[in-house]
Amino acid sequence: MMDAIGIDIALLEGDVAKLADKGKTPMYIAIDNVAAGIVAVADTVKEDSYIAIQSLKAMGIEVIMLTGDNVQRKTHRPVKLEIAKNFPKTIVLGKFFAPHYMWNE
């Protein structure tokens, strides 16, 4: 998006890649049409999520993760939660139809 409005972000791209590799969503900051920095945000895993997922697995329920996250971040939360099937970049409509697709798989 910064490129589209003529703001050069080349100097920030190394830091952006490092943040994305850590599972964070980097956002550029510009002041007076000059790239000025990066802010990164990340979803956190709730403490009881791991226990809930392990309980579901113990009942024989397959757990999958449908997320809108980009592909670089796809491994962080699923690995931490021990979820084998992860579908990144899933749009809202895809999340709606996913159960039907998987039942008919």
PDB file of N, CA and C in Angstrom:
ATOM      1  N   MET A   1       0.820  -1.185   0.000  1.00  0.00           N
ATOM      2  CA  MET A   1       0.000   0.000   0.000  1.00  0.00           C
ATOM      3  C   MET A   1       0.867   1.254   0.000  1.00  0.00           C
ATOM      4  N   MET A   2       1.954   1.256   0.742  1.00  0.00           N
ATOM      5  CA  MET A   2       2.851   2.414   0.750  1.00  0.00           C
ATOM      6  C   MET A   2       3.414   2.658  -0.646  1.00  0.00           C
ATOM      7  N   ASP A   3       3.763   1.557  -1.341  1.00  0.00           N
ATOM      8  CA  ASP A   3       4.261   1.694  -2.716  1.00  0.00           C
ATOM      9  C   ASP A   3       3.243   2.394  -3.603  1.00  0.00           C
ATOM     10  N   ALA A   4       1.981   2.074  -3.394  1.00  0.00           N
ATOM     11  CA  ALA A   4       0.920   2.635  -4.229  1.00  0.00           C
ATOM     12  C   ALA A   4       0.803   4.148  -4.086  1.00  0.00           C
ATOM     13  N   ILE A   5       1.234   4.679  -2.953  1.00  0.00           N
ATOM     14  CA  ILE A   5       1.153   6.133  -2.757  1.00  0.00           C
ATOM     15  C   ILE A   5       2.538   6.783  -2.813  1.00  0.00           C
ATOM     16  N   GLY A   6       3.509   6.015  -3.308  1.00  0.00           N
ATOM     17  CA  GLY A   6       4.826   6.576  -3.576  1.00  0.00           C
ATOM     18  C   GLY A   6       5.767   6.680  -2.392  1.00  0.00           C
ATOM     19  N   ILE A   7       5.540   5.884  -1.342  1.00  0.00           N
ATOM     20  CA  ILE A   7       6.426   5.919  -0.179  1.00  0.00           C
ATOM     21  C   ILE A   7       7.397   4.743  -0.263  1.00  0.00           C
ATOM     22  N   ASP A   8       8.681   5.032  -0.241  1.00  0.00           N
ATOM     23  CA  ASP A   8       9.724   4.016  -0.346  1.00  0.00           C
ATOM     24  C   ASP A   8       9.893   3.302   0.998  1.00  0.00           C
ATOM     25  N   ILE A   9       9.675   2.006   0.995  1.00  0.00           N
ATOM     26  CA  ILE A   9       9.767   1.212   2.225  1.00  0.00           C
ATOM     27  C   ILE A   9      10.950   0.242   2.203  1.00  0.00           C
ATOM     28  N   ALA A  10      11.819   0.385   1.228  1.00  0.00           N
ATOM     29  CA  ALA A  10      12.927  -0.561   1.046  1.00  0.00           C
ATOM     30  C   ALA A  10      13.789  -0.704   2.297  1.00  0.00           C
ATOM     31  N   LEU A  11      14.052   0.379   2.989  1.00  0.00           N
ATOM     32  CA  LEU A  11      14.909   0.306   4.179  1.00  0.00           C
ATOM     33  C   LEU A  11      14.263  -0.453   5.332  1.00  0.00           C
ATOM     34  N   LEU A  12      12.958  -0.594   5.316  1.00  0.00           N
ATOM     35  CA  LEU A  12      12.251  -1.270   6.409  1.00  0.00           C
ATOM     36  C   LEU A  12      11.971  -2.743   6.126  1.00  0.00           C
ATOM     37  N   GLU A  13      12.144  -3.173   4.898  1.00  0.00           N
ATOM     38  CA  GLU A  13      11.706  -4.513   4.515  1.00  0.00           C
ATOM     39  C   GLU A  13      12.426  -5.640   5.240  1.00  0.00           C
ATOM     40  N   GLY A  14      13.688  -5.466   5.613  1.00  0.00           N
ATOM     41  CA  GLY A  14      14.396  -6.508   6.378  1.00  0.00           C
ATOM     42  C   GLY A  14      13.760  -6.720   7.742  1.00  0.00           C
ATOM     43  N   ASP A  15      13.436  -5.616   8.411  1.00  0.00           N
ATOM     44  CA  ASP A  15      12.784  -5.712   9.717  1.00  0.00           C
ATOM     45  C   ASP A  15      11.375  -6.280   9.585  1.00  0.00           C
ATOM     46  N   VAL A  16      10.682  -5.911   8.525  1.00  0.00           N
ATOM     47  CA  VAL A  16       9.330  -6.421   8.290  1.00  0.00           C
ATOM     48  C   VAL A  16       9.367  -7.935   8.122  1.00  0.00           C
ATOM     49  N   ALA A  17      10.319  -8.442   7.360  1.00  0.00           N
ATOM     50  CA  ALA A  17      10.442  -9.890   7.148  1.00  0.00           C
ATOM     51  C   ALA A  17      10.723 -10.623   8.462  1.00  0.00           C
ATOM     52  N   LYS A  18      11.588 -10.049   9.294  1.00  0.00           N
ATOM     53  CA  LYS A  18      11.900 -10.672  10.587  1.00  0.00           C
ATOM     54  C   LYS A  18      10.665 -10.741  11.486  1.00  0.00           C
ATOM     55  N   LEU A  19       9.892  -9.658  11.495  1.00  0.00           N
ATOM     56  CA  LEU A  19       8.674  -9.642  12.314  1.00  0.00           C
ATOM     57  C   LEU A  19       7.658 -10.655  11.803  1.00  0.00           C
ATOM     58  N   ALA A  20       7.471 -10.708  10.481  1.00  0.00           N
ATOM     59  CA  ALA A  20       6.520 -11.662   9.899  1.00  0.00           C
ATOM     60  C   ALA A  20       6.939 -13.095  10.181  1.00  0.00           C
ATOM     61  N   ASP A  21       8.249 -13.364  10.142  1.00  0.00           N
ATOM     62  CA  ASP A  21       8.740 -14.714  10.444  1.00  0.00           C
ATOM     63  C   ASP A  21       8.457 -15.121  11.886  1.00  0.00           C
ATOM     64  N   LYS A  22       8.303 -14.140  12.762  1.00  0.00           N
ATOM     65  CA  LYS A  22       7.990 -14.413  14.167  1.00  0.00           C
ATOM     66  C   LYS A  22       6.490 -14.484  14.419  1.00  0.00           C
ATOM     67  N   GLY A  23       5.695 -14.425  13.347  1.00  0.00           N
ATOM     68  CA  GLY A  23       4.252 -14.542  13.500  1.00  0.00           C
ATOM     69  C   GLY A  23       3.549 -13.224  13.776  1.00  0.00           C
ATOM     70  N   LYS A  24       4.200 -12.128  13.492  1.00  0.00           N
ATOM     71  CA  LYS A  24       3.606 -10.818  13.761  1.00  0.00           C
ATOM     72  C   LYS A  24       3.165 -10.158  12.459  1.00  0.00           C
ATOM     73  N   THR A  25       2.185  -9.272  12.571  1.00  0.00           N
ATOM     74  CA  THR A  25       1.718  -8.512  11.423  1.00  0.00           C
ATOM     75  C   THR A  25       2.349  -7.126  11.477  1.00  0.00           C
ATOM     76  N   PRO A  26       3.304  -6.867  10.581  1.00  0.00           N
ATOM     77  CA  PRO A  26       3.939  -5.559  10.585  1.00  0.00           C
ATOM     78  C   PRO A  26       3.092  -4.527   9.843  1.00  0.00           C
ATOM     79  N   MET A  27       3.087  -3.303  10.356  1.00  0.00           N
ATOM     80  CA  MET A  27       2.382  -2.198   9.723  1.00  0.00           C
ATOM     81  C   MET A  27       3.338  -1.020   9.625  1.00  0.00           C
ATOM     82  N   TYR A  28       3.393  -0.436   8.453  1.00  0.00           N
ATOM     83  CA  TYR A  28       4.299   0.684   8.213  1.00  0.00           C
ATOM     84  C   TYR A  28       3.727   1.985   8.770  1.00  0.00           C
ATOM     85  N   ILE A  29       4.622   2.856   9.193  1.00  0.00           N
ATOM     86  CA  ILE A  29       4.253   4.202   9.630  1.00  0.00           C
ATOM     87  C   ILE A  29       4.989   5.183   8.727  1.00  0.00           C
ATOM     88  N   ALA A  30       4.267   6.179   8.228  1.00  0.00           N
ATOM     89  CA  ALA A  30       4.883   7.224   7.412  1.00  0.00           C
ATOM     90  C   ALA A  30       4.535   8.581   8.004  1.00  0.00           C
ATOM     91  N   ILE A  31       5.503   9.480   7.959  1.00  0.00           N
ATOM     92  CA  ILE A  31       5.291  10.857   8.395  1.00  0.00           C
ATOM     93  C   ILE A  31       5.709  11.760   7.243  1.00  0.00           C
ATOM     94  N   ASP A  32       4.815  12.637   6.841  1.00  0.00           N
ATOM     95  CA  ASP A  32       5.072  13.548   5.719  1.00  0.00           C
ATOM     96  C   ASP A  32       5.536  12.793   4.476  1.00  0.00           C
ATOM     97  N   ASN A  33       4.855  11.691   4.171  1.00  0.00           N
ATOM     98  CA  ASN A  33       5.130  10.869   2.990  1.00  0.00           C
ATOM     99  C   ASN A  33       6.514  10.231   2.977  1.00  0.00           C
ATOM    100  N   VAL A  34       7.085  10.002   4.158  1.00  0.00           N
ATOM    101  CA  VAL A  34       8.373   9.317   4.280  1.00  0.00           C
ATOM    102  C   VAL A  34       8.200   8.171   5.272  1.00  0.00           C
ATOM    103  N   ALA A  35       8.680   6.978   4.895  1.00  0.00           N
ATOM    104  CA  ALA A  35       8.607   5.827   5.800  1.00  0.00           C
ATOM    105  C   ALA A  35       9.357   6.159   7.082  1.00  0.00           C
ATOM    106  N   ALA A  36       8.672   6.008   8.216  1.00  0.00           N
ATOM    107  CA  ALA A  36       9.262   6.408   9.488  1.00  0.00           C
ATOM    108  C   ALA A  36       9.457   5.247  10.461  1.00  0.00           C
ATOM    109  N   GLY A  37       8.789   4.127  10.225  1.00  0.00           N
ATOM    110  CA  GLY A  37       8.941   3.007  11.157  1.00  0.00           C
ATOM    111  C   GLY A  37       7.927   1.919  10.936  1.00  0.00           C
ATOM    112  N   ILE A  38       7.924   0.982  11.866  1.00  0.00           N
ATOM    113  CA  ILE A  38       7.041  -0.188  11.793  1.00  0.00           C
ATOM    114  C   ILE A  38       6.430  -0.418  13.171  1.00  0.00           C
ATOM    115  N   VAL A  39       5.165  -0.805  13.180  1.00  0.00           N
ATOM    116  CA  VAL A  39       4.497  -1.285  14.384  1.00  0.00           C
ATOM    117  C   VAL A  39       4.057  -2.708  14.064  1.00  0.00           C
ATOM    118  N   ALA A  40       4.225  -3.621  15.000  1.00  0.00           N
ATOM    119  CA  ALA A  40       3.829  -5.009  14.756  1.00  0.00           C
ATOM    120  C   ALA A  40       2.824  -5.459  15.808  1.00  0.00           C
ATOM    121  N   VAL A  41       1.847  -6.232  15.365  1.00  0.00           N
ATOM    122  CA  VAL A  41       0.849  -6.799  16.270  1.00  0.00           C
ATOM    123  C   VAL A  41       0.815  -8.309  16.066  1.00  0.00           C
ATOM    124  N   ALA A  42       0.323  -9.017  17.067  1.00  0.00           N
ATOM    125  CA  ALA A  42       0.224 -10.476  16.963  1.00  0.00           C
ATOM    126  C   ALA A  42      -0.913 -10.976  17.823  1.00  0.00           C
ATOM    127  N   ASP A  43      -1.579 -12.008  17.335  1.00  0.00           N
ATOM    128  CA  ASP A  43      -2.587 -12.686  18.145  1.00  0.00           C
ATOM    129  C   ASP A  43      -1.862 -13.513  19.194  1.00  0.00           C
ATOM    130  N   THR A  44      -2.427 -13.579  20.355  1.00  0.00           N
ATOM    131  CA  THR A  44      -1.841 -14.418  21.396  1.00  0.00           C
ATOM    132  C   THR A  44      -2.729 -15.637  21.619  1.00  0.00           C
ATOM    133  N   VAL A  45      -2.106 -16.707  22.016  1.00  0.00           N
ATOM    134  CA  VAL A  45      -2.830 -17.937  22.297  1.00  0.00           C
ATOM    135  C   VAL A  45      -3.255 -17.910  23.761  1.00  0.00           C
ATOM    136  N   LYS A  46      -4.539 -18.114  23.991  1.00  0.00           N
ATOM    137  CA  LYS A  46      -5.044 -18.140  25.368  1.00  0.00           C
ATOM    138  C   LYS A  46      -4.511 -19.379  26.087  1.00  0.00           C
ATOM    139  N   GLU A  47      -4.301 -19.246  27.377  1.00  0.00           N
ATOM    140  CA  GLU A  47      -3.715 -20.330  28.162  1.00  0.00           C
ATOM    141  C   GLU A  47      -4.509 -21.631  28.087  1.00  0.00           C
ATOM    142  N   ASP A  48      -5.820 -21.529  28.059  1.00  0.00           N
ATOM    143  CA  ASP A  48      -6.626 -22.749  28.074  1.00  0.00           C
ATOM    144  C   ASP A  48      -6.873 -23.329  26.675  1.00  0.00           C
ATOM    145  N   SER A  49      -6.403 -22.664  25.628  1.00  0.00           N
ATOM    146  CA  SER A  49      -6.611 -23.175  24.266  1.00  0.00           C
ATOM    147  C   SER A  49      -5.914 -24.512  24.052  1.00  0.00           C
ATOM    148  N   TYR A  50      -4.673 -24.623  24.511  1.00  0.00           N
ATOM    149  CA  TYR A  50      -3.928 -25.872  24.346  1.00  0.00           C
ATOM    150  C   TYR A  50      -4.652 -27.026  25.036  1.00  0.00           C
ATOM    151  N   ILE A  51      -5.122 -26.798  26.239  1.00  0.00           N
ATOM    152  CA  ILE A  51      -5.832 -27.844  26.987  1.00  0.00           C
ATOM    153  C   ILE A  51      -7.115 -28.232  26.264  1.00  0.00           C
ATOM    154  N   ALA A  52      -7.850 -27.261  25.762  1.00  0.00           N
ATOM    155  CA  ALA A  52      -9.098 -27.542  25.048  1.00  0.00           C
ATOM    156  C   ALA A  52      -8.832 -28.368  23.793  1.00  0.00           C
ATOM    157  N   ILE A  53      -7.795 -28.003  23.050  1.00  0.00           N
ATOM    158  CA  ILE A  53      -7.469 -28.733  21.822  1.00  0.00           C
ATOM    159  C   ILE A  53      -7.032 -30.157  22.139  1.00  0.00           C
ATOM    160  N   GLN A  54      -6.222 -30.346  23.169  1.00  0.00           N
ATOM    161  CA  GLN A  54      -5.805 -31.689  23.551  1.00  0.00           C
ATOM    162  C   GLN A  54      -7.001 -32.530  24.003  1.00  0.00           C
ATOM    163  N   SER A  55      -7.962 -31.899  24.670  1.00  0.00           N
ATOM    164  CA  SER A  55      -9.179 -32.608  25.100  1.00  0.00           C
ATOM    165  C   SER A  55      -9.990 -33.071  23.892  1.00  0.00           C
ATOM    166  N   LEU A  56     -10.126 -32.212  22.897  1.00  0.00           N
ATOM    167  CA  LEU A  56     -10.841 -32.580  21.676  1.00  0.00           C
ATOM    168  C   LEU A  56     -10.144 -33.748  20.971  1.00  0.00           C
ATOM    169  N   LYS A  57      -8.830 -33.663  20.868  1.00  0.00           N
ATOM    170  CA  LYS A  57      -8.068 -34.744  20.240  1.00  0.00           C
ATOM    171  C   LYS A  57      -8.250 -36.059  20.995  1.00  0.00           C
ATOM    172  N   ALA A  58      -8.271 -35.998  22.325  1.00  0.00           N
ATOM    173  CA  ALA A  58      -8.449 -37.202  23.145  1.00  0.00           C
ATOM    174  C   ALA A  58      -9.811 -37.850  22.896  1.00  0.00           C
ATOM    175  N   MET A  59     -10.784 -37.040  22.468  1.00  0.00           N
ATOM    176  CA  MET A  59     -12.114 -37.560  22.145  1.00  0.00           C
ATOM    177  C   MET A  59     -12.194 -38.052  20.701  1.00  0.00           C
ATOM    178  N   GLY A  60     -11.065 -37.989  19.989  1.00  0.00           N
ATOM    179  CA  GLY A  60     -11.037 -38.452  18.605  1.00  0.00           C
ATOM    180  C   GLY A  60     -11.494 -37.407  17.602  1.00  0.00           C
ATOM    181  N   ILE A  61     -11.563 -36.161  18.009  1.00  0.00           N
ATOM    182  CA  ILE A  61     -11.994 -35.079  17.120  1.00  0.00           C
ATOM    183  C   ILE A  61     -10.761 -34.459  16.466  1.00  0.00           C
ATOM    184  N   GLU A  62     -10.776 -34.415  15.138  1.00  0.00           N
ATOM    185  CA  GLU A  62      -9.670 -33.799  14.413  1.00  0.00           C
ATOM    186  C   GLU A  62      -9.797 -32.277  14.512  1.00  0.00           C
ATOM    187  N   VAL A  63      -8.721 -31.630  14.894  1.00  0.00           N
ATOM    188  CA  VAL A  63      -8.713 -30.184  15.057  1.00  0.00           C
ATOM    189  C   VAL A  63      -7.958 -29.567  13.887  1.00  0.00           C
ATOM    190  N   ILE A  64      -8.570 -28.576  13.241  1.00  0.00           N
ATOM    191  CA  ILE A  64      -7.912 -27.841  12.160  1.00  0.00           C
ATOM    192  C   ILE A  64      -7.954 -26.356  12.497  1.00  0.00           C
ATOM    193  N   MET A  65      -7.128 -25.584  11.807  1.00  0.00           N
ATOM    194  CA  MET A  65      -7.134 -24.138  12.014  1.00  0.00           C
ATOM    195  C   MET A  65      -7.377 -23.443  10.684  1.00  0.00           C
ATOM    196  N   LEU A  66      -8.410 -22.625  10.646  1.00  0.00           N
ATOM    197  CA  LEU A  66      -8.702 -21.776   9.497  1.00  0.00           C
ATOM    198  C   LEU A  66      -8.362 -20.358   9.919  1.00  0.00           C
ATOM    199  N   THR A  67      -7.452 -19.734   9.221  1.00  0.00           N
ATOM    200  CA  THR A  67      -7.014 -18.410   9.619  1.00  0.00           C
ATOM    201  C   THR A  67      -6.847 -17.498   8.415  1.00  0.00           C
ATOM    202  N   GLY A  68      -7.038 -16.233   8.638  1.00  0.00           N
ATOM    203  CA  GLY A  68      -6.803 -15.238   7.595  1.00  0.00           C
ATOM    204  C   GLY A  68      -5.352 -14.828   7.526  1.00  0.00           C
ATOM    205  N   ASP A  69      -4.514 -15.406   8.390  1.00  0.00           N
ATOM    206  CA  ASP A  69      -3.100 -15.047   8.434  1.00  0.00           C
ATOM    207  C   ASP A  69      -2.412 -15.323   7.108  1.00  0.00           C
ATOM    208  N   ASN A  70      -1.323 -14.605   6.889  1.00  0.00           N
ATOM    209  CA  ASN A  70      -0.549 -14.856   5.682  1.00  0.00           C
ATOM    210  C   ASN A  70       0.247 -16.146   5.842  1.00  0.00           C
ATOM    211  N   VAL A  71       0.793 -16.609   4.744  1.00  0.00           N
ATOM    212  CA  VAL A  71       1.467 -17.904   4.729  1.00  0.00           C
ATOM    213  C   VAL A  71       2.699 -17.914   5.625  1.00  0.00           C
ATOM    214  N   GLN A  72       3.440 -16.788   5.714  1.00  0.00           N
ATOM    215  CA  GLN A  72       4.629 -16.767   6.559  1.00  0.00           C
ATOM    216  C   GLN A  72       4.293 -17.070   8.011  1.00  0.00           C
ATOM    217  N   ARG A  73       3.112 -16.657   8.454  1.00  0.00           N
ATOM    218  CA  ARG A  73       2.764 -16.836   9.865  1.00  0.00           C
ATOM    219  C   ARG A  73       2.039 -18.138  10.130  1.00  0.00           C
ATOM    220  N   LYS A  74       1.840 -18.951   9.130  1.00  0.00           N
ATOM    221  CA  LYS A  74       0.970 -20.105   9.312  1.00  0.00           C
ATOM    222  C   LYS A  74       1.485 -21.124  10.324  1.00  0.00           C
ATOM    223  N   THR A  75       2.768 -21.142  10.604  1.00  0.00           N
ATOM    224  CA  THR A  75       3.288 -22.195  11.468  1.00  0.00           C
ATOM    225  C   THR A  75       3.294 -21.862  12.950  1.00  0.00           C
ATOM    226  N   HIS A  76       3.232 -20.607  13.331  1.00  0.00           N
ATOM    227  CA  HIS A  76       3.432 -20.248  14.730  1.00  0.00           C
ATOM    228  C   HIS A  76       2.343 -20.768  15.667  1.00  0.00           C
ATOM    229  N   ARG A  77       1.117 -20.351  15.491  1.00  0.00           N
ATOM    230  CA  ARG A  77       0.060 -20.784  16.408  1.00  0.00           C
ATOM    231  C   ARG A  77      -0.268 -22.259  16.264  1.00  0.00           C
ATOM    232  N   PRO A  78      -0.398 -22.782  15.031  1.00  0.00           N
ATOM    233  CA  PRO A  78      -0.708 -24.216  14.925  1.00  0.00           C
ATOM    234  C   PRO A  78       0.351 -25.100  15.574  1.00  0.00           C
ATOM    235  N   VAL A  79       1.620 -24.769  15.436  1.00  0.00           N
ATOM    236  CA  VAL A  79       2.677 -25.579  16.049  1.00  0.00           C
ATOM    237  C   VAL A  79       2.575 -25.493  17.565  1.00  0.00           C
ATOM    238  N   LYS A  80       2.393 -24.293  18.082  1.00  0.00           N
ATOM    239  CA  LYS A  80       2.288 -24.116  19.532  1.00  0.00           C
ATOM    240  C   LYS A  80       1.101 -24.895  20.091  1.00  0.00           C
ATOM    241  N   LEU A  81       0.019 -24.973  19.324  1.00  0.00           N
ATOM    242  CA  LEU A  81      -1.189 -25.663  19.778  1.00  0.00           C
ATOM    243  C   LEU A  81      -1.237 -27.120  19.341  1.00  0.00           C
ATOM    244  N   GLU A  82      -0.222 -27.580  18.616  1.00  0.00           N
ATOM    245  CA  GLU A  82      -0.159 -28.940  18.085  1.00  0.00           C
ATOM    246  C   GLU A  82      -1.338 -29.244  17.164  1.00  0.00           C
ATOM    247  N   ILE A  83      -1.566 -28.344  16.217  1.00  0.00           N
ATOM    248  CA  ILE A  83      -2.613 -28.536  15.204  1.00  0.00           C
ATOM    249  C   ILE A  83      -1.919 -28.901  13.896  1.00  0.00           C
ATOM    250  N   ALA A  84      -2.237 -30.078  13.368  1.00  0.00           N
ATOM    251  CA  ALA A  84      -1.553 -30.575  12.180  1.00  0.00           C
ATOM    252  C   ALA A  84      -2.053 -29.932  10.888  1.00  0.00           C
ATOM    253  N   LYS A  85      -3.353 -29.672  10.800  1.00  0.00           N
ATOM    254  CA  LYS A  85      -3.909 -29.100   9.567  1.00  0.00           C
ATOM    255  C   LYS A  85      -4.195 -27.616   9.782  1.00  0.00           C
ATOM    256  N   ASN A  86      -3.558 -26.802   8.949  1.00  0.00           N
ATOM    257  CA  ASN A  86      -3.704 -25.364   9.044  1.00  0.00           C
ATOM    258  C   ASN A  86      -3.954 -24.805   7.648  1.00  0.00           C
ATOM    259  N   PHE A  87      -4.926 -23.932   7.530  1.00  0.00           N
ATOM    260  CA  PHE A  87      -5.273 -23.340   6.243  1.00  0.00           C
ATOM    261  C   PHE A  87      -5.162 -21.821   6.356  1.00  0.00           C
ATOM    262  N   PRO A  88      -3.983 -21.260   5.990  1.00  0.00           N
ATOM    263  CA  PRO A  88      -3.814 -19.805   6.070  1.00  0.00           C
ATOM    264  C   PRO A  88      -4.514 -19.108   4.915  1.00  0.00           C
ATOM    265  N   LYS A  89      -4.618 -17.799   5.021  1.00  0.00           N
ATOM    266  CA  LYS A  89      -5.215 -16.945   3.995  1.00  0.00           C
ATOM    267  C   LYS A  89      -6.641 -17.369   3.654  1.00  0.00           C
ATOM    268  N   THR A  90      -7.375 -17.868   4.625  1.00  0.00           N
ATOM    269  CA  THR A  90      -8.752 -18.296   4.413  1.00  0.00           C
ATOM    270  C   THR A  90      -9.668 -17.087   4.594  1.00  0.00           C
ATOM    271  N   ILE A  91     -10.389 -16.749   3.543  1.00  0.00           N
ATOM    272  CA  ILE A  91     -11.313 -15.623   3.646  1.00  0.00           C
ATOM    273  C   ILE A  91     -12.563 -16.062   4.405  1.00  0.00           C
ATOM    274  N   VAL A  92     -13.353 -15.104   4.813  1.00  0.00           N
ATOM    275  CA  VAL A  92     -14.533 -15.401   5.633  1.00  0.00           C
ATOM    276  C   VAL A  92     -15.433 -16.421   4.951  1.00  0.00           C
ATOM    277  N   LEU A  93     -15.703 -16.255   3.673  1.00  0.00           N
ATOM    278  CA  LEU A  93     -16.571 -17.195   2.969  1.00  0.00           C
ATOM    279  C   LEU A  93     -15.963 -18.599   2.959  1.00  0.00           C
ATOM    280  N   GLY A  94     -14.642 -18.676   2.853  1.00  0.00           N
ATOM    281  CA  GLY A  94     -13.966 -19.975   2.899  1.00  0.00           C
ATOM    282  C   GLY A  94     -14.152 -20.659   4.234  1.00  0.00           C
ATOM    283  N   LYS A  95     -14.160 -19.876   5.308  1.00  0.00           N
ATOM    284  CA  LYS A  95     -14.371 -20.439   6.640  1.00  0.00           C
ATOM    285  C   LYS A  95     -15.791 -20.983   6.774  1.00  0.00           C
ATOM    286  N   PHE A  96     -16.718 -20.347   6.097  1.00  0.00           N
ATOM    287  CA  PHE A  96     -18.113 -20.791   6.120  1.00  0.00           C
ATOM    288  C   PHE A  96     -18.265 -22.144   5.428  1.00  0.00           C
ATOM    289  N   PHE A  97     -17.602 -22.318   4.269  1.00  0.00           N
ATOM    290  CA  PHE A  97     -17.756 -23.543   3.496  1.00  0.00           C
ATOM    291  C   PHE A  97     -16.783 -24.663   3.886  1.00  0.00           C
ATOM    292  N   ALA A  98     -15.772 -24.370   4.681  1.00  0.00           N
ATOM    293  CA  ALA A  98     -14.758 -25.368   5.031  1.00  0.00           C
ATOM    294  C   ALA A  98     -15.330 -26.634   5.660  1.00  0.00           C
ATOM    295  N   PRO A  99     -16.245 -26.536   6.637  1.00  0.00           N
ATOM    296  CA  PRO A  99     -16.760 -27.782   7.235  1.00  0.00           C
ATOM    297  C   PRO A  99     -17.423 -28.681   6.186  1.00  0.00           C
ATOM    298  N   HIS A 100     -18.193 -28.110   5.282  1.00  0.00           N
ATOM    299  CA  HIS A 100     -18.850 -28.917   4.251  1.00  0.00           C
ATOM    300  C   HIS A 100     -17.822 -29.614   3.376  1.00  0.00           C
ATOM    301  N   TYR A 101     -16.806 -28.886   2.972  1.00  0.00           N
ATOM    302  CA  TYR A 101     -15.749 -29.449   2.136  1.00  0.00           C
ATOM    303  C   TYR A 101     -15.046 -30.604   2.863  1.00  0.00           C
ATOM    304  N   MET A 102     -14.727 -30.412   4.124  1.00  0.00           N
ATOM    305  CA  MET A 102     -13.982 -31.428   4.866  1.00  0.00           C
ATOM    306  C   MET A 102     -14.824 -32.655   5.173  1.00  0.00           C
ATOM    307  N   TRP A 103     -16.124 -32.487   5.391  1.00  0.00           N
ATOM    308  CA  TRP A 103     -16.981 -33.648   5.615  1.00  0.00           C
ATOM    309  C   TRP A 103     -17.099 -34.497   4.366  1.00  0.00           C
ATOM    310  N   ASN A 104     -16.984 -33.863   3.207  1.00  0.00           N
ATOM    311  CA  ASN A 104     -17.132 -34.577   1.943  1.00  0.00           C
ATOM    312  C   ASN A 104     -15.788 -34.978   1.349  1.00  0.00           C
ATOM    313  N   GLU A 105     -14.729 -34.826   2.109  1.00  0.00           N
ATOM    314  CA  GLU A 105     -13.380 -35.127   1.647  1.00  0.00           C
ATOM    315  C   GLU A 105     -13.158 -36.617   1.537  1.00  0.00           C
TER     316      GLU A 105
END
